[in-house]
PDB file of N, CA and C in Angstrom:
ATOM      1  N   MET A   1     -17.712   6.238 -14.691  1.00  0.00           N
ATOM      2  CA  MET A   1     -18.564   6.413 -13.549  1.00  0.00           C
ATOM      3  C   MET A   1     -17.661   6.654 -12.357  1.00  0.00           C
ATOM      4  N   VAL A   2     -18.040   7.572 -11.508  1.00  0.00           N
ATOM      5  CA  VAL A   2     -17.271   7.870 -10.313  1.00  0.00           C
ATOM      6  C   VAL A   2     -18.117   7.477  -9.114  1.00  0.00           C
ATOM      7  N   ILE A   3     -17.512   6.747  -8.214  1.00  0.00           N
ATOM      8  CA  ILE A   3     -18.200   6.322  -6.996  1.00  0.00           C
ATOM      9  C   ILE A   3     -17.498   6.987  -5.832  1.00  0.00           C
ATOM     10  N   GLY A   4     -18.247   7.621  -4.963  1.00  0.00           N
ATOM     11  CA  GLY A   4     -17.620   8.291  -3.843  1.00  0.00           C
ATOM     12  C   GLY A   4     -18.331   7.997  -2.545  1.00  0.00           C
ATOM     13  N   GLY A   5     -17.620   8.096  -1.475  1.00  0.00           N
ATOM     14  CA  GLY A   5     -18.215   7.945  -0.157  1.00  0.00           C
ATOM     15  C   GLY A   5     -18.489   9.319   0.423  1.00  0.00           C
ATOM     16  N   VAL A   6     -18.960   9.340   1.621  1.00  0.00           N
ATOM     17  CA  VAL A   6     -19.260  10.599   2.286  1.00  0.00           C
ATOM     18  C   VAL A   6     -18.001  11.448   2.397  1.00  0.00           C
ATOM     19  N   THR A   7     -16.854  10.805   2.516  1.00  0.00           N
ATOM     20  CA  THR A   7     -15.598  11.542   2.655  1.00  0.00           C
ATOM     21  C   THR A   7     -15.109  12.093   1.322  1.00  0.00           C
ATOM     22  N   GLY A   8     -15.747  11.704   0.201  1.00  0.00           N
ATOM     23  CA  GLY A   8     -15.314  12.168  -1.105  1.00  0.00           C
ATOM     24  C   GLY A   8     -14.276  11.266  -1.733  1.00  0.00           C
ATOM     25  N   PHE A   9     -13.923  10.176  -1.095  1.00  0.00           N
ATOM     26  CA  PHE A   9     -12.938   9.235  -1.616  1.00  0.00           C
ATOM     27  C   PHE A   9     -13.438   8.609  -2.918  1.00  0.00           C
ATOM     28  N   ILE A  10     -12.649   8.679  -3.978  1.00  0.00           N
ATOM     29  CA  ILE A  10     -13.044   8.095  -5.259  1.00  0.00           C
ATOM     30  C   ILE A  10     -12.651   6.631  -5.264  1.00  0.00           C
ATOM     31  N   VAL A  11     -13.635   5.776  -5.485  1.00  0.00           N
ATOM     32  CA  VAL A  11     -13.405   4.337  -5.447  1.00  0.00           C
ATOM     33  C   VAL A  11     -12.966   3.820  -6.801  1.00  0.00           C
ATOM     34  N   GLY A  12     -13.593   4.239  -7.887  1.00  0.00           N
ATOM     35  CA  GLY A  12     -13.204   3.699  -9.174  1.00  0.00           C
ATOM     36  C   GLY A  12     -13.900   4.366 -10.332  1.00  0.00           C
ATOM     37  N   LEU A  13     -13.383   4.097 -11.521  1.00  0.00           N
ATOM     38  CA  LEU A  13     -13.995   4.535 -12.763  1.00  0.00           C
ATOM     39  C   LEU A  13     -14.368   3.278 -13.531  1.00  0.00           C
ATOM     40  N   VAL A  14     -15.644   3.124 -13.824  1.00  0.00           N
ATOM     41  CA  VAL A  14     -16.106   1.932 -14.511  1.00  0.00           C
ATOM     42  C   VAL A  14     -17.106   2.304 -15.584  1.00  0.00           C
ATOM     43  N   ALA A  15     -17.500   1.333 -16.416  1.00  0.00           N
ATOM     44  CA  ALA A  15     -18.338   1.625 -17.563  1.00  0.00           C
ATOM     45  C   ALA A  15     -19.789   1.220 -17.405  1.00  0.00           C
ATOM     46  N   SER A  16     -20.139   0.440 -16.401  1.00  0.00           N
ATOM     47  CA  SER A  16     -21.525  -0.005 -16.303  1.00  0.00           C
ATOM     48  C   SER A  16     -21.903  -0.311 -14.866  1.00  0.00           C
ATOM     49  N   VAL A  17     -23.197  -0.443 -14.629  1.00  0.00           N
ATOM     50  CA  VAL A  17     -23.687  -0.736 -13.285  1.00  0.00           C
ATOM     51  C   VAL A  17     -23.208  -2.097 -12.781  1.00  0.00           C
ATOM     52  N   PRO A  18     -23.225  -3.184 -13.598  1.00  0.00           N
ATOM     53  CA  PRO A  18     -22.694  -4.461 -13.098  1.00  0.00           C
ATOM     54  C   PRO A  18     -21.216  -4.365 -12.707  1.00  0.00           C
ATOM     55  N   ALA A  19     -20.455  -3.607 -13.467  1.00  0.00           N
ATOM     56  CA  ALA A  19     -19.050  -3.429 -13.124  1.00  0.00           C
ATOM     57  C   ALA A  19     -18.924  -2.646 -11.816  1.00  0.00           C
ATOM     58  N   THR A  20     -19.840  -1.723 -11.596  1.00  0.00           N
ATOM     59  CA  THR A  20     -19.840  -0.964 -10.355  1.00  0.00           C
ATOM     60  C   THR A  20     -20.069  -1.889  -9.168  1.00  0.00           C
ATOM     61  N   ALA A  21     -21.028  -2.807  -9.308  1.00  0.00           N
ATOM     62  CA  ALA A  21     -21.302  -3.750  -8.222  1.00  0.00           C
ATOM     63  C   ALA A  21     -20.065  -4.575  -7.906  1.00  0.00           C
ATOM     64  N   ALA A  22     -19.339  -4.978  -8.930  1.00  0.00           N
ATOM     65  CA  ALA A  22     -18.109  -5.743  -8.716  1.00  0.00           C
ATOM     66  C   ALA A  22     -17.068  -4.878  -8.002  1.00  0.00           C
ATOM     67  N   GLU A  23     -16.964  -3.600  -8.398  1.00  0.00           N
ATOM     68  CA  GLU A  23     -16.026  -2.687  -7.752  1.00  0.00           C
ATOM     69  C   GLU A  23     -16.390  -2.466  -6.285  1.00  0.00           C
ATOM     70  N   LEU A  24     -17.685  -2.386  -5.997  1.00  0.00           N
ATOM     71  CA  LEU A  24     -18.115  -2.129  -4.623  1.00  0.00           C
ATOM     72  C   LEU A  24     -17.707  -3.235  -3.665  1.00  0.00           C
ATOM     73  N   GLN A  25     -17.493  -4.438  -4.185  1.00  0.00           N
ATOM     74  CA  GLN A  25     -17.045  -5.534  -3.339  1.00  0.00           C
ATOM     75  C   GLN A  25     -15.632  -5.296  -2.830  1.00  0.00           C
ATOM     76  N   ASN A  26     -14.869  -4.451  -3.530  1.00  0.00           N
ATOM     77  CA  ASN A  26     -13.498  -4.166  -3.147  1.00  0.00           C
ATOM     78  C   ASN A  26     -13.364  -2.953  -2.228  1.00  0.00           C
ATOM     79  N   VAL A  27     -14.488  -2.308  -1.939  1.00  0.00           N
ATOM     80  CA  VAL A  27     -14.468  -1.098  -1.132  1.00  0.00           C
ATOM     81  C   VAL A  27     -14.379  -1.450   0.349  1.00  0.00           C
ATOM     82  N   ILE A  28     -13.520  -0.737   1.027  1.00  0.00           N
ATOM     83  CA  ILE A  28     -13.435  -0.884   2.476  1.00  0.00           C
ATOM     84  C   ILE A  28     -14.275   0.245   3.068  1.00  0.00           C
ATOM     85  N   VAL A  29     -15.362  -0.122   3.687  1.00  0.00           N
ATOM     86  CA  VAL A  29     -16.269   0.864   4.256  1.00  0.00           C
ATOM     87  C   VAL A  29     -16.320   0.658   5.763  1.00  0.00           C
ATOM     88  N   ASN A  30     -16.063   1.720   6.496  1.00  0.00           N
ATOM     89  CA  ASN A  30     -16.183   1.622   7.945  1.00  0.00           C
ATOM     90  C   ASN A  30     -17.512   2.233   8.381  1.00  0.00           C
ATOM     91  N   ALA A  31     -17.737   2.351   9.663  1.00  0.00           N
ATOM     92  CA  ALA A  31     -19.015   2.824  10.188  1.00  0.00           C
ATOM     93  C   ALA A  31     -19.305   4.270   9.796  1.00  0.00           C
ATOM     94  N   ARG A  32     -18.293   5.035   9.414  1.00  0.00           N
ATOM     95  CA  ARG A  32     -18.510   6.435   9.069  1.00  0.00           C
ATOM     96  C   ARG A  32     -18.676   6.664   7.577  1.00  0.00           C
ATOM     97  N   GLU A  33     -18.465   5.665   6.742  1.00  0.00           N
ATOM     98  CA  GLU A  33     -18.583   5.822   5.293  1.00  0.00           C
ATOM     99  C   GLU A  33     -19.763   5.010   4.776  1.00  0.00           C
ATOM    100  N   THR A  34     -20.521   5.604   3.878  1.00  0.00           N
ATOM    101  CA  THR A  34     -21.680   4.938   3.320  1.00  0.00           C
ATOM    102  C   THR A  34     -21.745   5.211   1.826  1.00  0.00           C
ATOM    103  N   VAL A  35     -21.950   4.173   1.042  1.00  0.00           N
ATOM    104  CA  VAL A  35     -22.150   4.355  -0.392  1.00  0.00           C
ATOM    105  C   VAL A  35     -23.584   4.827  -0.566  1.00  0.00           C
ATOM    106  N   ILE A  36     -23.752   6.009  -1.148  1.00  0.00           N
ATOM    107  CA  ILE A  36     -25.094   6.581  -1.270  1.00  0.00           C
ATOM    108  C   ILE A  36     -25.651   6.493  -2.684  1.00  0.00           C
ATOM    109  N   GLY A  37     -24.848   6.072  -3.638  1.00  0.00           N
ATOM    110  CA  GLY A  37     -25.326   5.939  -5.002  1.00  0.00           C
ATOM    111  C   GLY A  37     -24.176   5.956  -5.983  1.00  0.00           C
ATOM    112  N   THR A  38     -24.505   5.727  -7.230  1.00  0.00           N
ATOM    113  CA  THR A  38     -23.520   5.773  -8.300  1.00  0.00           C
ATOM    114  C   THR A  38     -24.062   6.634  -9.427  1.00  0.00           C
ATOM    115  N   THR A  39     -23.170   7.227 -10.170  1.00  0.00           N
ATOM    116  CA  THR A  39     -23.543   8.054 -11.309  1.00  0.00           C
ATOM    117  C   THR A  39     -22.808   7.544 -12.536  1.00  0.00           C
ATOM    118  N   VAL A  40     -23.559   7.355 -13.623  1.00  0.00           N
ATOM    119  CA  VAL A  40     -22.995   6.896 -14.895  1.00  0.00           C
ATOM    120  C   VAL A  40     -22.994   8.079 -15.850  1.00  0.00           C
ATOM    121  N   TYR A  41     -21.857   8.319 -16.486  1.00  0.00           N
ATOM    122  CA  TYR A  41     -21.732   9.378 -17.480  1.00  0.00           C
ATOM    123  C   TYR A  41     -21.540   8.733 -18.844  1.00  0.00           C
ATOM    124  N   GLU A  42     -22.326   9.156 -19.834  1.00  0.00           N
ATOM    125  CA  GLU A  42     -22.179   8.668 -21.205  1.00  0.00           C
ATOM    126  C   GLU A  42     -21.906   9.853 -22.115  1.00  0.00           C
ATOM    127  N   TYR A  43     -20.985   9.656 -23.063  1.00  0.00           N
ATOM    128  CA  TYR A  43     -20.560  10.735 -23.950  1.00  0.00           C
ATOM    129  C   TYR A  43     -20.878  10.400 -25.403  1.00  0.00           C
ATOM    130  N   ASP A  44     -21.048  11.440 -26.225  1.00  0.00           N
ATOM    131  CA  ASP A  44     -21.278  11.218 -27.652  1.00  0.00           C
ATOM    132  C   ASP A  44     -19.935  11.106 -28.373  1.00  0.00           C
ATOM    133  N   GLU A  45     -19.991  10.958 -29.683  1.00  0.00           N
ATOM    134  CA  GLU A  45     -18.774  10.762 -30.479  1.00  0.00           C
ATOM    135  C   GLU A  45     -17.859  11.984 -30.489  1.00  0.00           C
ATOM    136  N   LYS A  46     -18.372  13.151 -30.083  1.00  0.00           N
ATOM    137  CA  LYS A  46     -17.565  14.372 -30.035  1.00  0.00           C
ATOM    138  C   LYS A  46     -17.017  14.646 -28.636  1.00  0.00           C
ATOM    139  N   GLY A  47     -17.249  13.714 -27.703  1.00  0.00           N
ATOM    140  CA  GLY A  47     -16.742  13.861 -26.345  1.00  0.00           C
ATOM    141  C   GLY A  47     -17.603  14.733 -25.446  1.00  0.00           C
ATOM    142  N   ARG A  48     -18.813  15.069 -25.914  1.00  0.00           N
ATOM    143  CA  ARG A  48     -19.727  15.866 -25.092  1.00  0.00           C
ATOM    144  C   ARG A  48     -20.573  14.919 -24.256  1.00  0.00           C
ATOM    145  N   ILE A  49     -20.922  15.358 -23.053  1.00  0.00           N
ATOM    146  CA  ILE A  49     -21.749  14.515 -22.207  1.00  0.00           C
ATOM    147  C   ILE A  49     -23.138  14.382 -22.839  1.00  0.00           C
ATOM    148  N   LYS A  50     -23.630  13.153 -22.933  1.00  0.00           N
ATOM    149  CA  LYS A  50     -24.938  12.869 -23.533  1.00  0.00           C
ATOM    150  C   LYS A  50     -25.957  12.501 -22.457  1.00  0.00           C
ATOM    151  N   PHE A  51     -25.564  11.620 -21.526  1.00  0.00           N
ATOM    152  CA  PHE A  51     -26.444  11.197 -20.440  1.00  0.00           C
ATOM    153  C   PHE A  51     -25.683  11.229 -19.119  1.00  0.00           C
ATOM    154  N   MET A  52     -26.413  11.501 -18.066  1.00  0.00           N
ATOM    155  CA  MET A  52     -25.910  11.358 -16.713  1.00  0.00           C
ATOM    156  C   MET A  52     -27.025  10.645 -15.955  1.00  0.00           C
ATOM    157  N   LYS A  53     -26.718   9.469 -15.394  1.00  0.00           N
ATOM    158  CA  LYS A  53     -27.736   8.655 -14.733  1.00  0.00           C
ATOM    159  C   LYS A  53     -27.322   8.375 -13.299  1.00  0.00           C
ATOM    160  N   LEU A  54     -28.269   8.538 -12.380  1.00  0.00           N
ATOM    161  CA  LEU A  54     -28.028   8.311 -10.962  1.00  0.00           C
ATOM    162  C   LEU A  54     -28.735   7.035 -10.538  1.00  0.00           C
ATOM    163  N   TYR A  55     -27.982   6.137  -9.881  1.00  0.00           N
ATOM    164  CA  TYR A  55     -28.507   4.852  -9.403  1.00  0.00           C
ATOM    165  C   TYR A  55     -28.346   4.745  -7.894  1.00  0.00           C
ATOM    166  N   PRO A  56     -29.270   4.041  -7.228  1.00  0.00           N
ATOM    167  CA  PRO A  56     -29.086   3.775  -5.802  1.00  0.00           C
ATOM    168  C   PRO A  56     -28.004   2.710  -5.620  1.00  0.00           C
ATOM    169  N   PRO A  57     -27.514   2.507  -4.408  1.00  0.00           N
ATOM    170  CA  PRO A  57     -26.436   1.535  -4.187  1.00  0.00           C
ATOM    171  C   PRO A  57     -26.946   0.092  -4.132  1.00  0.00           C
ATOM    172  N   ALA A  58     -27.430  -0.411  -5.255  1.00  0.00           N
ATOM    173  CA  ALA A  58     -27.895  -1.796  -5.358  1.00  0.00           C
ATOM    174  C   ALA A  58     -27.385  -2.372  -6.677  1.00  0.00           C
ATOM    175  N   GLU A  59     -27.168  -3.676  -6.711  1.00  0.00           N
ATOM    176  CA  GLU A  59     -26.529  -4.296  -7.880  1.00  0.00           C
ATOM    177  C   GLU A  59     -27.355  -4.173  -9.162  1.00  0.00           C
ATOM    178  N   HIS A  60     -28.641  -4.462  -9.109  1.00  0.00           N
ATOM    179  CA  HIS A  60     -29.482  -4.429 -10.310  1.00  0.00           C
ATOM    180  C   HIS A  60     -30.590  -3.396 -10.146  1.00  0.00           C
ATOM    181  N   ALA A  61     -30.202  -2.188  -9.848  1.00  0.00           N
ATOM    182  CA  ALA A  61     -31.167  -1.139  -9.541  1.00  0.00           C
ATOM    183  C   ALA A  61     -31.578  -0.367 -10.791  1.00  0.00           C
ATOM    184  N   GLU A  62     -32.786   0.153 -10.752  1.00  0.00           N
ATOM    185  CA  GLU A  62     -33.289   1.020 -11.812  1.00  0.00           C
ATOM    186  C   GLU A  62     -32.771   2.431 -11.547  1.00  0.00           C
ATOM    187  N   GLU A  63     -32.502   3.166 -12.620  1.00  0.00           N
ATOM    188  CA  GLU A  63     -32.003   4.522 -12.451  1.00  0.00           C
ATOM    189  C   GLU A  63     -33.039   5.385 -11.731  1.00  0.00           C
ATOM    190  N   LEU A  64     -32.551   6.264 -10.861  1.00  0.00           N
ATOM    191  CA  LEU A  64     -33.425   7.163 -10.127  1.00  0.00           C
ATOM    192  C   LEU A  64     -33.666   8.453 -10.893  1.00  0.00           C
ATOM    193  N   VAL A  65     -32.594   8.969 -11.481  1.00  0.00           N
ATOM    194  CA  VAL A  65     -32.662  10.219 -12.230  1.00  0.00           C
ATOM    195  C   VAL A  65     -31.819  10.062 -13.489  1.00  0.00           C
ATOM    196  N   LYS A  66     -32.370  10.504 -14.622  1.00  0.00           N
ATOM    197  CA  LYS A  66     -31.617  10.498 -15.880  1.00  0.00           C
ATOM    198  C   LYS A  66     -31.628  11.913 -16.428  1.00  0.00           C
ATOM    199  N   THR A  67     -30.456  12.422 -16.731  1.00  0.00           N
ATOM    200  CA  THR A  67     -30.323  13.739 -17.341  1.00  0.00           C
ATOM    201  C   THR A  67     -29.804  13.530 -18.757  1.00  0.00           C
ATOM    202  N   GLU A  68     -30.528  14.072 -19.742  1.00  0.00           N
ATOM    203  CA  GLU A  68     -30.134  13.932 -21.146  1.00  0.00           C
ATOM    204  C   GLU A  68     -29.835  15.312 -21.709  1.00  0.00           C
ATOM    205  N   PHE A  69     -28.680  15.439 -22.354  1.00  0.00           N
ATOM    206  CA  PHE A  69     -28.227  16.697 -22.913  1.00  0.00           C
ATOM    207  C   PHE A  69     -28.393  16.663 -24.427  1.00  0.00           C
ATOM    208  N   HIS A  70     -28.988  17.736 -25.001  1.00  0.00           N
ATOM    209  CA  HIS A  70     -29.212  17.839 -26.444  1.00  0.00           C
ATOM    210  C   HIS A  70     -28.365  18.985 -26.994  1.00  0.00           C
ATOM    211  N   TYR A  71     -27.669  18.698 -28.098  1.00  0.00           N
ATOM    212  CA  TYR A  71     -26.756  19.669 -28.689  1.00  0.00           C
ATOM    213  C   TYR A  71     -27.155  19.979 -30.125  1.00  0.00           C
ATOM    214  N   ALA A  72     -26.933  21.220 -30.549  1.00  0.00           N
ATOM    215  CA  ALA A  72     -27.012  21.560 -31.964  1.00  0.00           C
ATOM    216  C   ALA A  72     -25.672  21.148 -32.574  1.00  0.00           C
ATOM    217  N   ASP A  73     -25.665  20.792 -33.842  1.00  0.00           N
ATOM    218  CA  ASP A  73     -24.427  20.336 -34.492  1.00  0.00           C
ATOM    219  C   ASP A  73     -23.286  21.321 -34.287  1.00  0.00           C
ATOM    220  N   GLY A  74     -22.178  20.799 -33.804  1.00  0.00           N
ATOM    221  CA  GLY A  74     -20.970  21.600 -33.644  1.00  0.00           C
ATOM    222  C   GLY A  74     -20.888  22.395 -32.353  1.00  0.00           C
ATOM    223  N   ASN A  75     -21.959  22.550 -31.628  1.00  0.00           N
ATOM    224  CA  ASN A  75     -21.926  23.330 -30.390  1.00  0.00           C
ATOM    225  C   ASN A  75     -21.368  22.501 -29.244  1.00  0.00           C
ATOM    226  N   GLU A  76     -20.614  23.162 -28.380  1.00  0.00           N
ATOM    227  CA  GLU A  76     -20.043  22.505 -27.201  1.00  0.00           C
ATOM    228  C   GLU A  76     -21.018  22.484 -26.031  1.00  0.00           C
ATOM    229  N   LEU A  77     -21.925  23.464 -25.995  1.00  0.00           N
ATOM    230  CA  LEU A  77     -22.876  23.571 -24.891  1.00  0.00           C
ATOM    231  C   LEU A  77     -24.249  23.079 -25.330  1.00  0.00           C
ATOM    232  N   PRO A  78     -24.976  22.398 -24.449  1.00  0.00           N
ATOM    233  CA  PRO A  78     -26.303  21.906 -24.820  1.00  0.00           C
ATOM    234  C   PRO A  78     -27.304  23.066 -24.945  1.00  0.00           C
ATOM    235  N   TYR A  79     -28.227  22.930 -25.887  1.00  0.00           N
ATOM    236  CA  TYR A  79     -29.294  23.919 -26.020  1.00  0.00           C
ATOM    237  C   TYR A  79     -30.509  23.507 -25.187  1.00  0.00           C
ATOM    238  N   ASN A  80     -30.552  22.259 -24.783  1.00  0.00           N
ATOM    239  CA  ASN A  80     -31.694  21.731 -24.046  1.00  0.00           C
ATOM    240  C   ASN A  80     -31.207  20.587 -23.157  1.00  0.00           C
ATOM    241  N   THR A  81     -31.714  20.540 -21.940  1.00  0.00           N
ATOM    242  CA  THR A  81     -31.389  19.458 -21.006  1.00  0.00           C
ATOM    243  C   THR A  81     -32.693  18.962 -20.395  1.00  0.00           C
ATOM    244  N   GLU A  82     -32.890  17.641 -20.438  1.00  0.00           N
ATOM    245  CA  GLU A  82     -34.084  17.043 -19.844  1.00  0.00           C
ATOM    246  C   GLU A  82     -33.673  16.202 -18.641  1.00  0.00           C
ATOM    247  N   VAL A  83     -34.318  16.463 -17.502  1.00  0.00           N
ATOM    248  CA  VAL A  83     -34.058  15.724 -16.281  1.00  0.00           C
ATOM    249  C   VAL A  83     -35.304  14.902 -15.968  1.00  0.00           C
ATOM    250  N   THR A  84     -35.162  13.570 -15.980  1.00  0.00           N
ATOM    251  CA  THR A  84     -36.273  12.666 -15.713  1.00  0.00           C
ATOM    252  C   THR A  84     -36.086  12.050 -14.335  1.00  0.00           C
ATOM    253  N   SER A  85     -37.078  12.257 -13.463  1.00  0.00           N
ATOM    254  CA  SER A  85     -37.054  11.684 -12.128  1.00  0.00           C
ATOM    255  C   SER A  85     -38.041  10.530 -12.081  1.00  0.00           C
ATOM    256  N   VAL A  86     -37.536   9.319 -11.858  1.00  0.00           N
ATOM    257  CA  VAL A  86     -38.397   8.141 -11.776  1.00  0.00           C
ATOM    258  C   VAL A  86     -39.261   8.210 -10.519  1.00  0.00           C
ATOM    259  N   ILE A  87     -38.698   8.664  -9.429  1.00  0.00           N
ATOM    260  CA  ILE A  87     -39.413   8.724  -8.159  1.00  0.00           C
ATOM    261  C   ILE A  87     -40.578   9.716  -8.224  1.00  0.00           C
ATOM    262  N   GLU A  88     -40.310  10.896  -8.768  1.00  0.00           N
ATOM    263  CA  GLU A  88     -41.348  11.920  -8.855  1.00  0.00           C
ATOM    264  C   GLU A  88     -42.257  11.731 -10.071  1.00  0.00           C
ATOM    265  N   LYS A  89     -41.807  10.896 -11.024  1.00  0.00           N
ATOM    266  CA  LYS A  89     -42.525  10.679 -12.283  1.00  0.00           C
ATOM    267  C   LYS A  89     -42.716  12.011 -13.018  1.00  0.00           C
ATOM    268  N   LYS A  90     -41.618  12.783 -13.096  1.00  0.00           N
ATOM    269  CA  LYS A  90     -41.643  14.086 -13.746  1.00  0.00           C
ATOM    270  C   LYS A  90     -40.457  14.225 -14.689  1.00  0.00           C
ATOM    271  N   ILE A  91     -40.683  15.000 -15.746  1.00  0.00           N
ATOM    272  CA  ILE A  91     -39.612  15.378 -16.670  1.00  0.00           C
ATOM    273  C   ILE A  91     -39.521  16.894 -16.641  1.00  0.00           C
ATOM    274  N   ARG A  92     -38.323  17.381 -16.354  1.00  0.00           N
ATOM    275  CA  ARG A  92     -38.090  18.825 -16.331  1.00  0.00           C
ATOM    276  C   ARG A  92     -37.181  19.187 -17.497  1.00  0.00           C
ATOM    277  N   THR A  93     -37.461  20.291 -18.139  1.00  0.00           N
ATOM    278  CA  THR A  93     -36.644  20.769 -19.242  1.00  0.00           C
ATOM    279  C   THR A  93     -35.933  22.054 -18.826  1.00  0.00           C
ATOM    280  N   ILE A  94     -34.623  22.066 -19.049  1.00  0.00           N
ATOM    281  CA  ILE A  94     -33.802  23.232 -18.753  1.00  0.00           C
ATOM    282  C   ILE A  94     -33.287  23.756 -20.085  1.00  0.00           C
ATOM    283  N   ARG A  95     -33.531  25.027 -20.343  1.00  0.00           N
ATOM    284  CA  ARG A  95     -33.078  25.627 -21.624  1.00  0.00           C
ATOM    285  C   ARG A  95     -32.124  26.748 -21.364  1.00  0.00           C
TER     286      ARG A  95
END
């Protein structure tokens, strides 16, 4: 997971939302920098991205957007991508 501020500064790479909350305690944020969210990347056994999840900047927050990538066996590129927006209550399919 990559956490960035408005300036693009990378704060850390972590594996879960609770770990992100712990990392955020170590961030030095001044009046011009704001944590706007976190993104979690999950990969399959072949190293292809499987999920990308966007969370608001809260310790125990529900995901705002989940993107799921579907692959045919052996292909490097997804044949189907589903984007689920919790706020809009919509699922979009990209082919």
